[in-house]
Structures are given as C-alpha cells and as structure tokens.
PDB file of N, CA and C in Angstrom:
ATOM      1  N   MET A   1     164.544-128.917 152.781  1.00  0.00           N
ATOM      2  CA  MET A   1     164.527-127.481 152.915  1.00  0.00           C
ATOM      3  C   MET A   1     165.870-126.875 152.494  1.00  0.00           C
ATOM      4  N   ALA A   2     166.959-127.459 152.990  1.00  0.00           N
ATOM      5  CA  ALA A   2     168.282-126.952 152.640  1.00  0.00           C
ATOM      6  C   ALA A   2     168.537-127.102 151.153  1.00  0.00           C
ATOM      7  N   ARG A   3     168.030-128.171 150.571  1.00  0.00           N
ATOM      8  CA  ARG A   3     168.201-128.404 149.135  1.00  0.00           C
ATOM      9  C   ARG A   3     167.487-127.327 148.331  1.00  0.00           C
ATOM     10  N   ALA A   4     166.292-126.940 148.765  1.00  0.00           N
ATOM     11  CA  ALA A   4     165.535-125.894 148.084  1.00  0.00           C
ATOM     12  C   ALA A   4     166.258-124.558 148.166  1.00  0.00           C
ATOM     13  N   ILE A   5     166.839-124.264 149.294  1.00  0.00           N
ATOM     14  CA  ILE A   5     167.572-123.004 149.464  1.00  0.00           C
ATOM     15  C   ILE A   5     168.799-122.979 148.564  1.00  0.00           C
ATOM     16  N   ILE A   6     169.489-124.089 148.489  1.00  0.00           N
ATOM     17  CA  ILE A   6     170.679-124.176 147.629  1.00  0.00           C
ATOM     18  C   ILE A   6     170.277-124.019 146.166  1.00  0.00           C
ATOM     19  N   THR A   7     169.181-124.647 145.784  1.00  0.00           N
ATOM     20  CA  THR A   7     168.701-124.546 144.404  1.00  0.00           C
ATOM     21  C   THR A   7     168.339-123.104 144.066  1.00  0.00           C
ATOM     22  N   ILE A   8     167.626-122.444 144.952  1.00  0.00           N
ATOM     23  CA  ILE A   8     167.239-121.047 144.717  1.00  0.00           C
ATOM     24  C   ILE A   8     168.475-120.156 144.635  1.00  0.00           C
ATOM     25  N   ALA A   9     169.437-120.371 145.517  1.00  0.00           N
ATOM     26  CA  ALA A   9     170.670-119.581 145.504  1.00  0.00           C
ATOM     27  C   ALA A   9     171.437-119.791 144.202  1.00  0.00           C
ATOM     28  N   ALA A  10     171.477-121.032 143.724  1.00  0.00           N
ATOM     29  CA  ALA A  10     172.183-121.330 142.481  1.00  0.00           C
ATOM     30  C   ALA A  10     171.507-120.655 141.295  1.00  0.00           C
ATOM     31  N   VAL A  11     170.195-120.682 141.249  1.00  0.00           N
ATOM     32  CA  VAL A  11     169.462-120.043 140.153  1.00  0.00           C
ATOM     33  C   VAL A  11     169.690-118.533 140.181  1.00  0.00           C
ATOM     34  N   MET A  12     169.654-117.957 141.359  1.00  0.00           N
ATOM     35  CA  MET A  12     169.872-116.517 141.470  1.00  0.00           C
ATOM     36  C   MET A  12     171.295-116.142 141.068  1.00  0.00           C
ATOM     37  N   ALA A  13     172.258-116.953 141.424  1.00  0.00           N
ATOM     38  CA  ALA A  13     173.645-116.676 141.077  1.00  0.00           C
ATOM     39  C   ALA A  13     173.866-116.760 139.572  1.00  0.00           C
ATOM     40  N   LEU A  14     173.207-117.683 138.930  1.00  0.00           N
ATOM     41  CA  LEU A  14     173.338-117.818 137.482  1.00  0.00           C
ATOM     42  C   LEU A  14     172.589-116.718 136.749  1.00  0.00           C
ATOM     43  N   ALA A  15     171.498-116.247 137.292  1.00  0.00           N
ATOM     44  CA  ALA A  15     170.696-115.221 136.644  1.00  0.00           C
ATOM     45  C   ALA A  15     171.295-113.836 136.829  1.00  0.00           C
ATOM     46  N   ALA A  16     172.044-113.607 137.876  1.00  0.00           N
ATOM     47  CA  ALA A  16     172.578-112.277 138.173  1.00  0.00           C
ATOM     48  C   ALA A  16     173.448-111.719 137.052  1.00  0.00           C
ATOM     49  N   PRO A  17     174.383-112.477 136.472  1.00  0.00           N
ATOM     50  CA  PRO A  17     175.190-111.902 135.397  1.00  0.00           C
ATOM     51  C   PRO A  17     174.357-111.502 134.184  1.00  0.00           C
ATOM     52  N   ALA A  18     173.306-112.221 133.892  1.00  0.00           N
ATOM     53  CA  ALA A  18     172.473-111.886 132.751  1.00  0.00           C
ATOM     54  C   ALA A  18     171.754-110.564 132.962  1.00  0.00           C
ATOM     55  N   VAL A  19     171.382-110.270 134.175  1.00  0.00           N
ATOM     56  CA  VAL A  19     170.685-109.029 134.471  1.00  0.00           C
ATOM     57  C   VAL A  19     171.631-107.839 134.310  1.00  0.00           C
ATOM     58  N   HIS A  20     172.885-108.010 134.659  1.00  0.00           N
ATOM     59  CA  HIS A  20     173.852-106.922 134.622  1.00  0.00           C
ATOM     60  C   HIS A  20     174.789-107.027 133.423  1.00  0.00           C
ATOM     61  N   ALA A  21     174.395-107.730 132.382  1.00  0.00           N
ATOM     62  CA  ALA A  21     175.266-107.950 131.237  1.00  0.00           C
ATOM     63  C   ALA A  21     175.505-106.673 130.436  1.00  0.00           C
ATOM     64  N   GLY A  22     174.630-105.715 130.550  1.00  0.00           N
ATOM     65  CA  GLY A  22     174.798-104.465 129.826  1.00  0.00           C
ATOM     66  C   GLY A  22     174.131-104.517 128.467  1.00  0.00           C
ATOM     67  N   PRO A  23     174.311-103.465 127.686  1.00  0.00           N
ATOM     68  CA  PRO A  23     173.639-103.390 126.394  1.00  0.00           C
ATOM     69  C   PRO A  23     174.229-104.366 125.373  1.00  0.00           C
ATOM     70  N   ALA A  24     173.418-104.748 124.432  1.00  0.00           N
ATOM     71  CA  ALA A  24     173.860-105.636 123.360  1.00  0.00           C
ATOM     72  C   ALA A  24     174.685-104.837 122.352  1.00  0.00           C
ATOM     73  N   ALA A  25     175.425-105.541 121.514  1.00  0.00           N
ATOM     74  CA  ALA A  25     176.260-104.894 120.504  1.00  0.00           C
ATOM     75  C   ALA A  25     175.410-104.000 119.606  1.00  0.00           C
ATOM     76  N   LYS A  26     174.255-104.490 119.196  1.00  0.00           N
ATOM     77  CA  LYS A  26     173.376-103.720 118.316  1.00  0.00           C
ATOM     78  C   LYS A  26     172.953-102.414 118.988  1.00  0.00           C
ATOM     79  N   ASP A  27     172.581-102.488 120.255  1.00  0.00           N
ATOM     80  CA  ASP A  27     172.143-101.291 120.979  1.00  0.00           C
ATOM     81  C   ASP A  27     173.275-100.274 121.098  1.00  0.00           C
ATOM     82  N   MET A  28     174.467-100.755 121.441  1.00  0.00           N
ATOM     83  CA  MET A  28     175.613 -99.852 121.573  1.00  0.00           C
ATOM     84  C   MET A  28     175.953 -99.211 120.231  1.00  0.00           C
ATOM     85  N   TYR A  29     175.927-100.023 119.165  1.00  0.00           N
ATOM     86  CA  TYR A  29     176.264 -99.504 117.836  1.00  0.00           C
ATOM     87  C   TYR A  29     175.242 -98.473 117.383  1.00  0.00           C
ATOM     88  N   GLU A  30     173.956 -98.775 117.567  1.00  0.00           N
ATOM     89  CA  GLU A  30     172.913 -97.849 117.131  1.00  0.00           C
ATOM     90  C   GLU A  30     172.961 -96.541 117.922  1.00  0.00           C
ATOM     91  N   ALA A  31     173.319 -96.612 119.199  1.00  0.00           N
ATOM     92  CA  ALA A  31     173.454 -95.392 119.997  1.00  0.00           C
ATOM     93  C   ALA A  31     174.626 -94.546 119.487  1.00  0.00           C
ATOM     94  N   ALA A  32     175.746 -95.198 119.163  1.00  0.00           N
ATOM     95  CA  ALA A  32     176.900 -94.476 118.629  1.00  0.00           C
ATOM     96  C   ALA A  32     176.562 -93.873 117.267  1.00  0.00           C
ATOM     97  N   LEU A  33     175.830 -94.598 116.435  1.00  0.00           N
ATOM     98  CA  LEU A  33     175.444 -94.105 115.116  1.00  0.00           C
ATOM     99  C   LEU A  33     174.534 -92.886 115.240  1.00  0.00           C
ATOM    100  N   ALA A  34     173.601 -92.928 116.160  1.00  0.00           N
ATOM    101  CA  ALA A  34     172.704 -91.793 116.368  1.00  0.00           C
ATOM    102  C   ALA A  34     173.492 -90.568 116.832  1.00  0.00           C
ATOM    103  N   ARG A  35     174.451 -90.779 117.727  1.00  0.00           N
ATOM    104  CA  ARG A  35     175.287 -89.660 118.192  1.00  0.00           C
ATOM    105  C   ARG A  35     176.112 -89.103 117.045  1.00  0.00           C
ATOM    106  N   GLU A  36     176.632 -89.994 116.191  1.00  0.00           N
ATOM    107  CA  GLU A  36     177.429 -89.549 115.048  1.00  0.00           C
ATOM    108  C   GLU A  36     176.596 -88.670 114.127  1.00  0.00           C
ATOM    109  N   GLN A  37     175.387 -89.099 113.828  1.00  0.00           N
ATOM    110  CA  GLN A  37     174.534 -88.327 112.929  1.00  0.00           C
ATOM    111  C   GLN A  37     174.214 -86.953 113.507  1.00  0.00           C
ATOM    112  N   ALA A  38     174.007 -86.878 114.809  1.00  0.00           N
ATOM    113  CA  ALA A  38     173.737 -85.595 115.448  1.00  0.00           C
ATOM    114  C   ALA A  38     174.961 -84.685 115.380  1.00  0.00           C
ATOM    115  N   VAL A  39     176.148 -85.260 115.594  1.00  0.00           N
ATOM    116  CA  VAL A  39     177.376 -84.464 115.563  1.00  0.00           C
ATOM    117  C   VAL A  39     177.684 -84.015 114.142  1.00  0.00           C
ATOM    118  N   ARG A  40     177.457 -84.889 113.169  1.00  0.00           N
ATOM    119  CA  ARG A  40     177.706 -84.512 111.777  1.00  0.00           C
ATOM    120  C   ARG A  40     176.878 -83.295 111.381  1.00  0.00           C
ATOM    121  N   GLY A  41     175.656 -83.211 111.907  1.00  0.00           N
ATOM    122  CA  GLY A  41     174.810 -82.073 111.599  1.00  0.00           C
ATOM    123  C   GLY A  41     175.382 -80.766 112.130  1.00  0.00           C
ATOM    124  N   ALA A  42     176.128 -80.825 113.212  1.00  0.00           N
ATOM    125  CA  ALA A  42     176.706 -79.631 113.814  1.00  0.00           C
ATOM    126  C   ALA A  42     178.117 -79.338 113.307  1.00  0.00           C
ATOM    127  N   PHE A  43     178.673 -80.262 112.547  1.00  0.00           N
ATOM    128  CA  PHE A  43     180.056 -80.123 112.097  1.00  0.00           C
ATOM    129  C   PHE A  43     180.121 -79.182 110.903  1.00  0.00           C
ATOM    130  N   GLU A  44     180.938 -78.153 111.031  1.00  0.00           N
ATOM    131  CA  GLU A  44     181.119 -77.170 109.964  1.00  0.00           C
ATOM    132  C   GLU A  44     182.584 -77.135 109.585  1.00  0.00           C
ATOM    133  N   THR A  45     182.951 -76.200 108.717  1.00  0.00           N
ATOM    134  CA  THR A  45     184.356 -76.114 108.312  1.00  0.00           C
ATOM    135  C   THR A  45     185.249 -75.751 109.492  1.00  0.00           C
ATOM    136  N   ALA A  46     184.769 -74.922 110.382  1.00  0.00           N
ATOM    137  CA  ALA A  46     185.519 -74.563 111.584  1.00  0.00           C
ATOM    138  C   ALA A  46     184.619 -74.768 112.800  1.00  0.00           C
ATOM    139  N   PRO A  47     184.457 -76.009 113.227  1.00  0.00           N
ATOM    140  CA  PRO A  47     183.521 -76.280 114.320  1.00  0.00           C
ATOM    141  C   PRO A  47     184.014 -75.721 115.653  1.00  0.00           C
ATOM    142  N   PRO A  48     183.076 -75.338 116.497  1.00  0.00           N
ATOM    143  CA  PRO A  48     183.470 -74.879 117.825  1.00  0.00           C
ATOM    144  C   PRO A  48     184.021 -76.033 118.663  1.00  0.00           C
ATOM    145  N   PRO A  49     184.771 -75.726 119.715  1.00  0.00           N
ATOM    146  CA  PRO A  49     185.404 -76.767 120.533  1.00  0.00           C
ATOM    147  C   PRO A  49     184.427 -77.793 121.098  1.00  0.00           C
ATOM    148  N   GLU A  50     183.211 -77.378 121.456  1.00  0.00           N
ATOM    149  CA  GLU A  50     182.266 -78.359 122.012  1.00  0.00           C
ATOM    150  C   GLU A  50     181.842 -79.388 120.965  1.00  0.00           C
ATOM    151  N   VAL A  51     181.805 -78.995 119.682  1.00  0.00           N
ATOM    152  CA  VAL A  51     181.483 -79.969 118.630  1.00  0.00           C
ATOM    153  C   VAL A  51     182.631 -80.948 118.474  1.00  0.00           C
ATOM    154  N   LEU A  52     183.859 -80.460 118.554  1.00  0.00           N
ATOM    155  CA  LEU A  52     185.009 -81.362 118.473  1.00  0.00           C
ATOM    156  C   LEU A  52     185.021 -82.340 119.645  1.00  0.00           C
ATOM    157  N   ALA A  53     184.613 -81.881 120.814  1.00  0.00           N
ATOM    158  CA  ALA A  53     184.518 -82.783 121.966  1.00  0.00           C
ATOM    159  C   ALA A  53     183.466 -83.856 121.706  1.00  0.00           C
ATOM    160  N   ASP A  54     182.371 -83.480 121.051  1.00  0.00           N
ATOM    161  CA  ASP A  54     181.344 -84.461 120.698  1.00  0.00           C
ATOM    162  C   ASP A  54     181.876 -85.473 119.691  1.00  0.00           C
ATOM    163  N   VAL A  55     182.683 -85.014 118.744  1.00  0.00           N
ATOM    164  CA  VAL A  55     183.286 -85.924 117.763  1.00  0.00           C
ATOM    165  C   VAL A  55     184.151 -86.954 118.480  1.00  0.00           C
ATOM    166  N   HIS A  56     184.955 -86.506 119.426  1.00  0.00           N
ATOM    167  CA  HIS A  56     185.803 -87.431 120.185  1.00  0.00           C
ATOM    168  C   HIS A  56     184.957 -88.412 120.998  1.00  0.00           C
ATOM    169  N   ALA A  57     183.831 -87.952 121.522  1.00  0.00           N
ATOM    170  CA  ALA A  57     182.946 -88.837 122.288  1.00  0.00           C
ATOM    171  C   ALA A  57     182.331 -89.903 121.390  1.00  0.00           C
ATOM    172  N   VAL A  58     181.974 -89.524 120.166  1.00  0.00           N
ATOM    173  CA  VAL A  58     181.407 -90.493 119.221  1.00  0.00           C
ATOM    174  C   VAL A  58     182.443 -91.554 118.869  1.00  0.00           C
ATOM    175  N   VAL A  59     183.657 -91.130 118.616  1.00  0.00           N
ATOM    176  CA  VAL A  59     184.735 -92.092 118.318  1.00  0.00           C
ATOM    177  C   VAL A  59     184.906 -93.052 119.494  1.00  0.00           C
ATOM    178  N   GLY A  60     184.864 -92.529 120.698  1.00  0.00           N
ATOM    179  CA  GLY A  60     184.966 -93.376 121.887  1.00  0.00           C
ATOM    180  C   GLY A  60     183.815 -94.360 121.993  1.00  0.00           C
ATOM    181  N   ALA A  61     182.622 -93.939 121.595  1.00  0.00           N
ATOM    182  CA  ALA A  61     181.460 -94.835 121.639  1.00  0.00           C
ATOM    183  C   ALA A  61     181.638 -95.997 120.662  1.00  0.00           C
ATOM    184  N   TYR A  62     182.152 -95.701 119.468  1.00  0.00           N
ATOM    185  CA  TYR A  62     182.416 -96.776 118.503  1.00  0.00           C
ATOM    186  C   TYR A  62     183.512 -97.711 119.017  1.00  0.00           C
ATOM    187  N   ARG A  63     184.531 -97.150 119.610  1.00  0.00           N
ATOM    188  CA  ARG A  63     185.605 -97.989 120.159  1.00  0.00           C
ATOM    189  C   ARG A  63     185.085 -98.883 121.283  1.00  0.00           C
ATOM    190  N   ALA A  64     184.133 -98.391 122.046  1.00  0.00           N
ATOM    191  CA  ALA A  64     183.562 -99.194 123.128  1.00  0.00           C
ATOM    192  C   ALA A  64     182.835-100.415 122.581  1.00  0.00           C
ATOM    193  N   VAL A  65     182.175-100.259 121.434  1.00  0.00           N
ATOM    194  CA  VAL A  65     181.506-101.405 120.803  1.00  0.00           C
ATOM    195  C   VAL A  65     182.543-102.467 120.461  1.00  0.00           C
ATOM    196  N   VAL A  66     183.651-102.039 119.872  1.00  0.00           N
ATOM    197  CA  VAL A  66     184.700-102.981 119.461  1.00  0.00           C
ATOM    198  C   VAL A  66     185.334-103.666 120.666  1.00  0.00           C
ATOM    199  N   ARG A  67     185.592-102.905 121.734  1.00  0.00           N
ATOM    200  CA  ARG A  67     186.201-103.502 122.928  1.00  0.00           C
ATOM    201  C   ARG A  67     185.269-104.515 123.583  1.00  0.00           C
ATOM    202  N   ARG A  68     183.991-104.183 123.648  1.00  0.00           N
ATOM    203  CA  ARG A  68     183.053-105.057 124.359  1.00  0.00           C
ATOM    204  C   ARG A  68     182.623-106.259 123.519  1.00  0.00           C
ATOM    205  N   PHE A  69     182.507-106.084 122.211  1.00  0.00           N
ATOM    206  CA  PHE A  69     182.031-107.145 121.324  1.00  0.00           C
ATOM    207  C   PHE A  69     182.975-107.292 120.132  1.00  0.00           C
ATOM    208  N   PRO A  70     184.208-107.752 120.343  1.00  0.00           N
ATOM    209  CA  PRO A  70     185.193-107.800 119.256  1.00  0.00           C
ATOM    210  C   PRO A  70     184.831-108.740 118.111  1.00  0.00           C
ATOM    211  N   THR A  71     184.006-109.737 118.336  1.00  0.00           N
ATOM    212  CA  THR A  71     183.671-110.686 117.275  1.00  0.00           C
ATOM    213  C   THR A  71     182.324-110.394 116.616  1.00  0.00           C
ATOM    214  N   SER A  72     181.649-109.345 117.041  1.00  0.00           N
ATOM    215  CA  SER A  72     180.357-109.004 116.484  1.00  0.00           C
ATOM    216  C   SER A  72     180.495-108.326 115.124  1.00  0.00           C
ATOM    217  N   GLY A  73     179.518-108.522 114.254  1.00  0.00           N
ATOM    218  CA  GLY A  73     179.478-107.823 112.989  1.00  0.00           C
ATOM    219  C   GLY A  73     179.359-106.320 113.166  1.00  0.00           C
ATOM    220  N   TYR A  74     178.794-105.900 114.278  1.00  0.00           N
ATOM    221  CA  TYR A  74     178.702-104.470 114.552  1.00  0.00           C
ATOM    222  C   TYR A  74     180.082-103.854 114.803  1.00  0.00           C
ATOM    223  N   SER A  75     181.021-104.653 115.266  1.00  0.00           N
ATOM    224  CA  SER A  75     182.376-104.152 115.485  1.00  0.00           C
ATOM    225  C   SER A  75     183.028-103.766 114.155  1.00  0.00           C
ATOM    226  N   ASP A  76     182.784-104.555 113.130  1.00  0.00           N
ATOM    227  CA  ASP A  76     183.298-104.205 111.803  1.00  0.00           C
ATOM    228  C   ASP A  76     182.771-102.844 111.367  1.00  0.00           C
ATOM    229  N   ASN A  77     181.470-102.636 111.549  1.00  0.00           N
ATOM    230  CA  ASN A  77     180.856-101.375 111.185  1.00  0.00           C
ATOM    231  C   ASN A  77     181.407-100.238 112.035  1.00  0.00           C
ATOM    232  N   ALA A  78     181.581-100.490 113.316  1.00  0.00           N
ATOM    233  CA  ALA A  78     182.090 -99.463 114.216  1.00  0.00           C
ATOM    234  C   ALA A  78     183.515 -99.051 113.826  1.00  0.00           C
ATOM    235  N   LEU A  79     184.332-100.009 113.415  1.00  0.00           N
ATOM    236  CA  LEU A  79     185.687 -99.685 112.987  1.00  0.00           C
ATOM    237  C   LEU A  79     185.687 -98.886 111.688  1.00  0.00           C
ATOM    238  N   TRP A  80     184.754 -99.166 110.822  1.00  0.00           N
ATOM    239  CA  TRP A  80     184.686 -98.459 109.550  1.00  0.00           C
ATOM    240  C   TRP A  80     184.314 -97.021 109.777  1.00  0.00           C
TER     241      TRP A  80
END
C-alpha cells in the first residue's frame, strides 16, 4: 500500500511541471506576430500614444519568446 502511494506521488510530482510549463515557443511567437500585424494596421505617420504603447507591448512579447526559448528557431525570428 505504501509503495503504491509513493508511486502515485512520484508520478504526480513528475507530471506537475509539464502541466504548468506554459505556452510553447511557436504559440508565443504566433501570438506576438498576430499582435504585431494588428498594431501595424493602426500605425500611421503620427500614431496616437495608445498605438505606441501597443508597439512597445509587441516588442516585449517578442523579447519574451527569446528569454523563454533562447535556442528555438522562433527566437531568431522574434529577434528579427
């Protein structure tokens, strides 16, 4: 009985990080790309301050991809 409990606890402990691992590099990159495309549509020669705030948020989203997945091919794209 104790062995079964230990086994179940070990499986749950190993599975927990996978559940909370967060989004994949591809998902993060595609979300940042979608935000960029939306902001580009609103960007004019003299954009209002809220559009500039969106631009800064998009840059931050790309930087987050690089910080979280530095060796991913999506990081190269995010830096570009």
